[in-house]
Amino acid sequence: MIKSQTDTSQGENELLVSKRAEKKVPKFLKPQGHFLKDFPVSDILDISMTEEKIKRYTYTKEEVDRMIAHAVQVAVAEARRIDEESMKKHNRDATVISMILGFTALALFVDGLLRLLGIIPPFMQIDIDILDKVVERVETDIIDKVRQVPIQKIWPR
């Protein structure tokens, strides 16, 4: 139990003051005013332990179990909150990365399609334009075959 020096008797106070005066403490270290009057004195040096003192300074098993259960609940709640926040951040970051990759893939696809159709000029003299080849093939193969078919078969009277 903690008690202050004001609880001591007048004789004990005088004895304490006289013992302090004997030690020749420098003036700047001497107590001034009411500072040391209210300074608590501990009874930890009292070695005799009674059942009452033990109950006063220790927790029961039920109190410890309640404190542990509460600490576990708080820790689990905090872990869930951190997990939810980290999943939100991950989902947001993954969405942005997917958008960038998708836009890039779409842009490259459109670029290749336009080069294939001959709308955009060749890159590094690599000509992949098939439109001219298709037109040339149609002119040579299909138009010759169309000329061979008589008009009467196409438009019967």
N, C-alpha and C. Protein backbone atom coordinates (compact mmCIF):
# COMPACT_ATOMS: atom_id res chain seq x y z
N MET A 1 0.84 -1.17 0.00
CA MET A 1 0.00 0.00 0.00
C MET A 1 0.89 1.24 0.00
N ILE A 2 0.47 2.28 -0.69
CA ILE A 2 1.24 3.52 -0.76
C ILE A 2 0.66 4.51 0.22
N LYS A 3 1.57 5.16 0.94
CA LYS A 3 1.13 6.19 1.88
C LYS A 3 2.08 7.37 1.77
N SER A 4 1.62 8.53 2.10
CA SER A 4 2.47 9.71 1.99
C SER A 4 3.11 10.00 3.34
N GLN A 5 4.11 10.85 3.31
CA GLN A 5 4.81 11.16 4.56
C GLN A 5 3.96 12.02 5.48
N THR A 6 2.89 12.58 4.98
CA THR A 6 2.03 13.39 5.87
C THR A 6 1.31 12.51 6.86
N ASP A 7 1.23 11.19 6.58
CA ASP A 7 0.58 10.27 7.50
C ASP A 7 1.49 9.88 8.68
N THR A 8 2.75 10.21 8.60
CA THR A 8 3.67 9.85 9.68
C THR A 8 3.46 10.80 10.86
N SER A 9 3.92 10.36 11.97
CA SER A 9 3.75 11.18 13.17
C SER A 9 4.71 12.36 13.18
N GLN A 10 4.46 13.32 14.05
CA GLN A 10 5.30 14.53 14.14
C GLN A 10 6.73 14.16 14.52
N GLY A 11 6.90 13.18 15.40
CA GLY A 11 8.24 12.78 15.83
C GLY A 11 9.03 12.17 14.69
N GLU A 12 8.36 11.37 13.88
CA GLU A 12 9.04 10.77 12.73
C GLU A 12 9.47 11.84 11.73
N ASN A 13 8.65 12.86 11.55
CA ASN A 13 9.00 13.96 10.64
C ASN A 13 10.25 14.69 11.13
N GLU A 14 10.32 14.94 12.43
CA GLU A 14 11.48 15.63 12.98
C GLU A 14 12.73 14.78 12.81
N LEU A 15 12.59 13.47 12.99
CA LEU A 15 13.72 12.56 12.83
C LEU A 15 14.20 12.57 11.37
N LEU A 16 13.28 12.54 10.43
CA LEU A 16 13.64 12.60 9.01
C LEU A 16 14.36 13.89 8.67
N VAL A 17 13.87 15.01 9.20
CA VAL A 17 14.48 16.31 8.93
C VAL A 17 15.89 16.36 9.50
N SER A 18 16.07 15.84 10.72
CA SER A 18 17.40 15.89 11.32
C SER A 18 18.38 14.99 10.57
N LYS A 19 17.92 13.82 10.06
CA LYS A 19 18.81 12.93 9.29
C LYS A 19 19.21 13.59 7.98
N ARG A 20 18.30 14.34 7.38
CA ARG A 20 18.62 15.02 6.13
C ARG A 20 19.65 16.12 6.38
N ALA A 21 19.51 16.79 7.47
CA ALA A 21 20.42 17.89 7.77
C ALA A 21 21.83 17.38 8.00
N GLU A 22 21.98 16.14 8.52
CA GLU A 22 23.30 15.58 8.81
C GLU A 22 24.07 15.24 7.54
N LYS A 23 23.39 14.98 6.43
CA LYS A 23 24.06 14.48 5.23
C LYS A 23 24.78 15.56 4.44
N LYS A 24 24.64 16.80 4.73
CA LYS A 24 25.28 17.90 4.03
C LYS A 24 24.99 17.85 2.53
N VAL A 25 23.75 17.97 2.19
CA VAL A 25 23.30 17.97 0.81
C VAL A 25 23.46 19.38 0.27
N PRO A 26 23.93 19.55 -0.99
CA PRO A 26 24.03 20.89 -1.56
C PRO A 26 22.67 21.58 -1.59
N LYS A 27 22.69 22.89 -1.52
CA LYS A 27 21.46 23.67 -1.39
C LYS A 27 20.50 23.44 -2.57
N PHE A 28 21.06 23.31 -3.79
CA PHE A 28 20.15 23.16 -4.94
C PHE A 28 19.48 21.78 -4.95
N LEU A 29 20.01 20.81 -4.16
CA LEU A 29 19.37 19.50 -4.07
C LEU A 29 18.43 19.37 -2.88
N LYS A 30 18.42 20.34 -2.00
CA LYS A 30 17.55 20.25 -0.83
C LYS A 30 16.10 20.45 -1.25
N PRO A 31 15.18 19.71 -0.63
CA PRO A 31 13.77 19.86 -0.98
C PRO A 31 13.27 21.26 -0.64
N GLN A 32 12.48 21.81 -1.51
CA GLN A 32 11.94 23.15 -1.32
C GLN A 32 10.43 23.04 -1.16
N GLY A 33 9.86 23.64 -0.18
CA GLY A 33 8.41 23.75 0.00
C GLY A 33 7.73 22.41 0.23
N HIS A 34 6.64 22.19 -0.44
CA HIS A 34 5.78 21.03 -0.21
C HIS A 34 6.10 19.85 -1.14
N PHE A 35 7.16 19.92 -1.92
CA PHE A 35 7.45 18.88 -2.91
C PHE A 35 7.58 17.50 -2.27
N LEU A 36 8.38 17.35 -1.24
CA LEU A 36 8.60 16.04 -0.63
C LEU A 36 7.58 15.67 0.42
N LYS A 37 6.76 16.61 0.84
CA LYS A 37 5.74 16.27 1.83
C LYS A 37 4.74 15.29 1.25
N ASP A 38 4.37 15.46 0.00
CA ASP A 38 3.36 14.62 -0.61
C ASP A 38 3.96 13.48 -1.44
N PHE A 39 5.26 13.28 -1.33
CA PHE A 39 5.92 12.23 -2.10
C PHE A 39 5.50 10.87 -1.54
N PRO A 40 4.99 9.96 -2.38
CA PRO A 40 4.51 8.67 -1.86
C PRO A 40 5.66 7.76 -1.46
N VAL A 41 5.43 7.01 -0.43
CA VAL A 41 6.39 6.03 0.05
C VAL A 41 5.78 4.65 -0.18
N SER A 42 6.54 3.76 -0.73
CA SER A 42 6.03 2.44 -1.07
C SER A 42 6.23 1.48 0.09
N ASP A 43 5.36 0.48 0.16
CA ASP A 43 5.53 -0.57 1.18
C ASP A 43 6.05 -1.85 0.53
N ILE A 44 6.66 -1.75 -0.65
CA ILE A 44 7.19 -2.93 -1.33
C ILE A 44 8.33 -3.54 -0.52
N LEU A 45 9.03 -2.70 0.22
CA LEU A 45 10.12 -3.22 1.03
C LEU A 45 9.62 -4.09 2.17
N ASP A 46 8.34 -3.98 2.47
CA ASP A 46 7.75 -4.82 3.52
C ASP A 46 7.62 -6.24 2.96
N ILE A 47 8.46 -7.15 3.45
CA ILE A 47 8.56 -8.49 2.90
C ILE A 47 7.39 -9.38 3.32
N SER A 48 6.76 -9.10 4.40
CA SER A 48 5.68 -9.97 4.87
C SER A 48 4.49 -9.86 3.92
N MET A 49 4.12 -10.98 3.31
CA MET A 49 3.00 -11.03 2.37
C MET A 49 1.85 -11.76 3.04
N THR A 50 0.75 -11.12 3.02
CA THR A 50 -0.46 -11.75 3.55
C THR A 50 -1.38 -12.05 2.38
N GLU A 51 -2.40 -12.82 2.65
CA GLU A 51 -3.38 -13.16 1.62
C GLU A 51 -4.05 -11.89 1.07
N GLU A 52 -4.29 -10.96 1.93
CA GLU A 52 -4.92 -9.69 1.52
C GLU A 52 -4.01 -8.91 0.57
N LYS A 53 -2.70 -8.84 0.89
CA LYS A 53 -1.77 -8.13 0.02
C LYS A 53 -1.64 -8.83 -1.33
N ILE A 54 -1.62 -10.14 -1.32
CA ILE A 54 -1.52 -10.89 -2.57
C ILE A 54 -2.73 -10.61 -3.45
N LYS A 55 -3.94 -10.62 -2.87
CA LYS A 55 -5.15 -10.34 -3.64
C LYS A 55 -5.17 -8.91 -4.14
N ARG A 56 -4.58 -7.99 -3.39
CA ARG A 56 -4.56 -6.60 -3.79
C ARG A 56 -3.63 -6.37 -4.99
N TYR A 57 -2.51 -7.10 -5.08
CA TYR A 57 -1.51 -6.87 -6.11
C TYR A 57 -1.60 -7.84 -7.30
N THR A 58 -2.45 -8.85 -7.25
CA THR A 58 -2.51 -9.84 -8.31
C THR A 58 -3.93 -9.94 -8.87
N TYR A 59 -4.04 -10.60 -10.03
CA TYR A 59 -5.32 -10.83 -10.67
C TYR A 59 -5.77 -12.26 -10.41
N THR A 60 -7.07 -12.46 -10.43
CA THR A 60 -7.60 -13.82 -10.33
C THR A 60 -7.57 -14.45 -11.71
N LYS A 61 -7.78 -15.75 -11.77
CA LYS A 61 -7.78 -16.46 -13.05
C LYS A 61 -8.90 -15.94 -13.94
N GLU A 62 -10.06 -15.66 -13.39
CA GLU A 62 -11.18 -15.14 -14.18
C GLU A 62 -10.85 -13.76 -14.78
N GLU A 63 -10.19 -12.91 -13.97
CA GLU A 63 -9.81 -11.59 -14.48
C GLU A 63 -8.80 -11.71 -15.62
N VAL A 64 -7.85 -12.61 -15.46
CA VAL A 64 -6.85 -12.82 -16.51
C VAL A 64 -7.52 -13.36 -17.78
N ASP A 65 -8.44 -14.33 -17.61
CA ASP A 65 -9.14 -14.89 -18.77
C ASP A 65 -9.95 -13.81 -19.49
N ARG A 66 -10.62 -12.93 -18.75
CA ARG A 66 -11.39 -11.85 -19.36
C ARG A 66 -10.48 -10.89 -20.11
N MET A 67 -9.32 -10.54 -19.51
CA MET A 67 -8.39 -9.63 -20.17
C MET A 67 -7.84 -10.25 -21.46
N ILE A 68 -7.52 -11.55 -21.41
CA ILE A 68 -7.01 -12.23 -22.60
C ILE A 68 -8.08 -12.29 -23.68
N ALA A 69 -9.31 -12.63 -23.32
CA ALA A 69 -10.41 -12.71 -24.29
C ALA A 69 -10.64 -11.34 -24.94
N HIS A 70 -10.60 -10.30 -24.14
CA HIS A 70 -10.78 -8.95 -24.68
C HIS A 70 -9.64 -8.58 -25.63
N ALA A 71 -8.41 -8.91 -25.23
CA ALA A 71 -7.26 -8.61 -26.07
C ALA A 71 -7.33 -9.37 -27.40
N VAL A 72 -7.79 -10.61 -27.35
CA VAL A 72 -7.93 -11.41 -28.57
C VAL A 72 -8.99 -10.79 -29.48
N GLN A 73 -10.12 -10.39 -28.90
CA GLN A 73 -11.17 -9.76 -29.71
C GLN A 73 -10.67 -8.49 -30.38
N VAL A 74 -9.96 -7.68 -29.63
CA VAL A 74 -9.44 -6.43 -30.18
C VAL A 74 -8.42 -6.73 -31.29
N ALA A 75 -7.54 -7.70 -31.06
CA ALA A 75 -6.52 -8.04 -32.05
C ALA A 75 -7.15 -8.61 -33.32
N VAL A 76 -8.15 -9.46 -33.18
CA VAL A 76 -8.81 -10.05 -34.36
C VAL A 76 -9.54 -8.96 -35.14
N ALA A 77 -10.21 -8.07 -34.45
CA ALA A 77 -10.91 -6.97 -35.12
C ALA A 77 -9.92 -6.08 -35.87
N GLU A 78 -8.80 -5.78 -35.26
CA GLU A 78 -7.78 -4.96 -35.91
C GLU A 78 -7.19 -5.69 -37.12
N ALA A 79 -6.96 -7.00 -37.00
CA ALA A 79 -6.42 -7.78 -38.13
C ALA A 79 -7.42 -7.80 -39.28
N ARG A 80 -8.70 -7.95 -38.99
CA ARG A 80 -9.72 -7.94 -40.05
C ARG A 80 -9.77 -6.58 -40.74
N ARG A 81 -9.69 -5.51 -39.95
CA ARG A 81 -9.72 -4.17 -40.53
C ARG A 81 -8.52 -3.96 -41.45
N ILE A 82 -7.34 -4.37 -40.99
CA ILE A 82 -6.13 -4.23 -41.81
C ILE A 82 -6.24 -5.07 -43.07
N ASP A 83 -6.78 -6.29 -42.96
CA ASP A 83 -6.95 -7.16 -44.11
C ASP A 83 -7.91 -6.54 -45.13
N GLU A 84 -9.03 -6.00 -44.66
CA GLU A 84 -9.99 -5.37 -45.57
C GLU A 84 -9.37 -4.17 -46.29
N GLU A 85 -8.64 -3.36 -45.54
CA GLU A 85 -7.99 -2.19 -46.16
C GLU A 85 -6.96 -2.61 -47.20
N SER A 86 -6.17 -3.64 -46.89
CA SER A 86 -5.15 -4.07 -47.84
C SER A 86 -5.79 -4.70 -49.08
N MET A 87 -6.91 -5.41 -48.92
CA MET A 87 -7.60 -5.98 -50.08
C MET A 87 -8.20 -4.87 -50.95
N LYS A 88 -8.75 -3.82 -50.33
CA LYS A 88 -9.27 -2.70 -51.11
C LYS A 88 -8.15 -2.06 -51.93
N LYS A 89 -7.01 -1.84 -51.31
CA LYS A 89 -5.87 -1.23 -52.01
C LYS A 89 -5.39 -2.13 -53.14
N HIS A 90 -5.32 -3.44 -52.88
CA HIS A 90 -4.88 -4.38 -53.91
C HIS A 90 -5.86 -4.36 -55.09
N ASN A 91 -7.15 -4.39 -54.82
CA ASN A 91 -8.15 -4.39 -55.89
C ASN A 91 -8.06 -3.11 -56.72
N ARG A 92 -7.89 -1.98 -56.06
CA ARG A 92 -7.77 -0.71 -56.78
C ARG A 92 -6.53 -0.71 -57.67
N ASP A 93 -5.39 -1.14 -57.12
CA ASP A 93 -4.15 -1.17 -57.89
C ASP A 93 -4.25 -2.15 -59.06
N ALA A 94 -4.84 -3.32 -58.83
CA ALA A 94 -4.98 -4.32 -59.89
C ALA A 94 -5.90 -3.80 -61.00
N THR A 95 -6.95 -3.05 -60.63
CA THR A 95 -7.85 -2.49 -61.63
C THR A 95 -7.12 -1.48 -62.51
N VAL A 96 -6.34 -0.63 -61.91
CA VAL A 96 -5.60 0.38 -62.68
C VAL A 96 -4.60 -0.30 -63.62
N ILE A 97 -3.89 -1.30 -63.13
CA ILE A 97 -2.92 -2.01 -63.97
C ILE A 97 -3.64 -2.72 -65.12
N SER A 98 -4.78 -3.35 -64.84
CA SER A 98 -5.54 -4.02 -65.90
C SER A 98 -6.04 -3.04 -66.94
N MET A 99 -6.47 -1.87 -66.50
CA MET A 99 -6.93 -0.85 -67.45
C MET A 99 -5.79 -0.42 -68.37
N ILE A 100 -4.62 -0.20 -67.80
CA ILE A 100 -3.46 0.22 -68.60
C ILE A 100 -3.08 -0.87 -69.60
N LEU A 101 -3.02 -2.12 -69.16
CA LEU A 101 -2.66 -3.22 -70.06
C LEU A 101 -3.72 -3.41 -71.15
N GLY A 102 -4.99 -3.31 -70.78
CA GLY A 102 -6.06 -3.46 -71.77
C GLY A 102 -6.04 -2.36 -72.81
N PHE A 103 -5.84 -1.14 -72.39
CA PHE A 103 -5.76 -0.03 -73.33
C PHE A 103 -4.57 -0.19 -74.28
N THR A 104 -3.44 -0.63 -73.73
CA THR A 104 -2.25 -0.84 -74.56
C THR A 104 -2.48 -1.95 -75.59
N ALA A 105 -3.09 -3.06 -75.15
CA ALA A 105 -3.36 -4.16 -76.08
C ALA A 105 -4.33 -3.73 -77.17
N LEU A 106 -5.36 -2.99 -76.81
CA LEU A 106 -6.32 -2.50 -77.79
C LEU A 106 -5.66 -1.56 -78.79
N ALA A 107 -4.81 -0.66 -78.30
CA ALA A 107 -4.12 0.28 -79.18
C ALA A 107 -3.21 -0.46 -80.16
N LEU A 108 -2.50 -1.47 -79.68
CA LEU A 108 -1.62 -2.23 -80.57
C LEU A 108 -2.42 -3.03 -81.59
N PHE A 109 -3.56 -3.56 -81.18
CA PHE A 109 -4.42 -4.30 -82.11
C PHE A 109 -4.94 -3.38 -83.21
N VAL A 110 -5.42 -2.21 -82.85
CA VAL A 110 -5.93 -1.26 -83.84
C VAL A 110 -4.81 -0.81 -84.77
N ASP A 111 -3.63 -0.58 -84.24
CA ASP A 111 -2.49 -0.18 -85.07
C ASP A 111 -2.18 -1.27 -86.10
N GLY A 112 -2.15 -2.51 -85.65
CA GLY A 112 -1.88 -3.63 -86.57
C GLY A 112 -2.96 -3.77 -87.62
N LEU A 113 -4.22 -3.62 -87.22
CA LEU A 113 -5.32 -3.73 -88.17
C LEU A 113 -5.25 -2.64 -89.24
N LEU A 114 -4.97 -1.41 -88.80
CA LEU A 114 -4.88 -0.31 -89.76
C LEU A 114 -3.68 -0.46 -90.68
N ARG A 115 -2.58 -1.01 -90.21
CA ARG A 115 -1.42 -1.28 -91.07
C ARG A 115 -1.74 -2.40 -92.05
N LEU A 116 -2.49 -3.40 -91.58
CA LEU A 116 -2.87 -4.53 -92.43
C LEU A 116 -3.77 -4.07 -93.57
N LEU A 117 -4.65 -3.13 -93.29
CA LEU A 117 -5.56 -2.63 -94.31
C LEU A 117 -4.91 -1.56 -95.18
N GLY A 118 -3.72 -1.11 -94.83
CA GLY A 118 -3.00 -0.14 -95.64
C GLY A 118 -3.36 1.29 -95.33
N ILE A 119 -4.07 1.54 -94.26
CA ILE A 119 -4.45 2.90 -93.89
C ILE A 119 -3.27 3.64 -93.28
N ILE A 120 -2.46 2.93 -92.52
CA ILE A 120 -1.25 3.50 -91.91
C ILE A 120 -0.06 2.97 -92.70
N PRO A 121 0.93 3.83 -93.01
CA PRO A 121 2.07 3.36 -93.80
C PRO A 121 2.90 2.32 -93.05
N PRO A 122 3.70 1.52 -93.77
CA PRO A 122 4.50 0.46 -93.14
C PRO A 122 5.50 1.02 -92.13
N PHE A 123 5.82 0.20 -91.16
CA PHE A 123 6.77 0.55 -90.11
C PHE A 123 8.06 -0.19 -90.40
N MET A 124 9.17 0.54 -90.48
CA MET A 124 10.51 -0.02 -90.75
C MET A 124 10.52 -0.84 -92.06
N GLN A 125 9.82 -0.35 -93.06
CA GLN A 125 9.76 -0.98 -94.38
C GLN A 125 9.24 -2.42 -94.34
N ILE A 126 8.47 -2.75 -93.34
CA ILE A 126 7.82 -4.06 -93.27
C ILE A 126 6.37 -3.84 -93.71
N ASP A 127 6.08 -4.24 -94.91
CA ASP A 127 4.75 -3.99 -95.47
C ASP A 127 3.87 -5.22 -95.25
N ILE A 128 2.86 -5.04 -94.46
CA ILE A 128 1.91 -6.14 -94.22
C ILE A 128 0.56 -5.82 -94.84
N ASP A 129 0.53 -4.85 -95.72
CA ASP A 129 -0.71 -4.42 -96.35
C ASP A 129 -1.25 -5.54 -97.23
N ILE A 130 -2.44 -6.04 -96.93
CA ILE A 130 -3.04 -7.12 -97.72
C ILE A 130 -4.15 -6.61 -98.62
N LEU A 131 -4.57 -5.39 -98.43
CA LEU A 131 -5.68 -4.87 -99.21
C LEU A 131 -5.33 -4.82 -100.70
N ASP A 132 -4.13 -4.38 -101.02
CA ASP A 132 -3.70 -4.34 -102.42
C ASP A 132 -3.63 -5.75 -103.00
N LYS A 133 -3.16 -6.71 -102.22
CA LYS A 133 -3.06 -8.09 -102.69
C LYS A 133 -4.45 -8.69 -102.91
N VAL A 134 -5.38 -8.38 -102.03
CA VAL A 134 -6.74 -8.89 -102.17
C VAL A 134 -7.38 -8.30 -103.41
N VAL A 135 -7.23 -7.00 -103.63
CA VAL A 135 -7.80 -6.35 -104.81
C VAL A 135 -7.19 -6.94 -106.08
N GLU A 136 -5.90 -7.13 -106.10
CA GLU A 136 -5.21 -7.69 -107.26
C GLU A 136 -5.70 -9.11 -107.55
N ARG A 137 -5.87 -9.89 -106.50
CA ARG A 137 -6.33 -11.29 -106.66
C ARG A 137 -7.76 -11.33 -107.18
N VAL A 138 -8.59 -10.45 -106.64
CA VAL A 138 -9.98 -10.39 -107.09
C VAL A 138 -10.03 -10.01 -108.56
N GLU A 139 -9.22 -9.05 -108.94
CA GLU A 139 -9.21 -8.62 -110.33
C GLU A 139 -8.77 -9.74 -111.27
N THR A 140 -7.77 -10.51 -110.88
CA THR A 140 -7.25 -11.54 -111.78
C THR A 140 -8.08 -12.80 -111.79
N ASP A 141 -8.43 -13.30 -110.65
CA ASP A 141 -9.10 -14.61 -110.58
C ASP A 141 -10.61 -14.50 -110.76
N ILE A 142 -11.25 -13.73 -109.98
CA ILE A 142 -12.70 -13.74 -109.92
C ILE A 142 -13.30 -13.04 -111.13
N ILE A 143 -12.74 -11.95 -111.58
CA ILE A 143 -13.31 -11.23 -112.72
C ILE A 143 -13.20 -12.09 -113.98
N ASP A 144 -12.11 -12.85 -114.14
CA ASP A 144 -11.99 -13.75 -115.28
C ASP A 144 -13.08 -14.82 -115.24
N LYS A 145 -13.36 -15.36 -114.08
CA LYS A 145 -14.38 -16.39 -113.95
C LYS A 145 -15.78 -15.81 -114.18
N VAL A 146 -15.99 -14.57 -113.77
CA VAL A 146 -17.28 -13.92 -113.97
C VAL A 146 -17.49 -13.68 -115.47
N ARG A 147 -16.46 -13.37 -116.19
CA ARG A 147 -16.57 -13.14 -117.64
C ARG A 147 -16.90 -14.43 -118.39
N GLN A 148 -16.51 -15.55 -117.85
CA GLN A 148 -16.78 -16.82 -118.50
C GLN A 148 -18.24 -17.24 -118.38
N VAL A 149 -18.94 -16.76 -117.38
CA VAL A 149 -20.34 -17.12 -117.17
C VAL A 149 -21.20 -16.27 -118.10
N PRO A 150 -22.08 -16.90 -118.88
CA PRO A 150 -22.93 -16.11 -119.76
C PRO A 150 -23.94 -15.29 -118.95
N ILE A 151 -24.33 -14.19 -119.48
CA ILE A 151 -25.24 -13.28 -118.78
C ILE A 151 -26.61 -13.90 -118.64
N GLN A 152 -26.99 -14.81 -119.53
CA GLN A 152 -28.29 -15.43 -119.44
C GLN A 152 -28.42 -16.28 -118.17
N LYS A 153 -27.31 -16.83 -117.69
CA LYS A 153 -27.38 -17.64 -116.45
C LYS A 153 -27.52 -16.73 -115.22
N ILE A 154 -26.97 -15.55 -115.34
CA ILE A 154 -27.03 -14.64 -114.19
C ILE A 154 -28.42 -14.00 -114.12
N TRP A 155 -28.93 -13.54 -115.29
CA TRP A 155 -30.26 -12.90 -115.31
C TRP A 155 -31.17 -13.64 -116.27
N PRO A 156 -31.84 -14.63 -115.81
CA PRO A 156 -32.72 -15.35 -116.71
C PRO A 156 -33.93 -14.48 -117.08
N ARG A 157 -34.44 -14.68 -118.30
CA ARG A 157 -35.59 -13.89 -118.74
C ARG A 157 -36.86 -14.53 -118.46
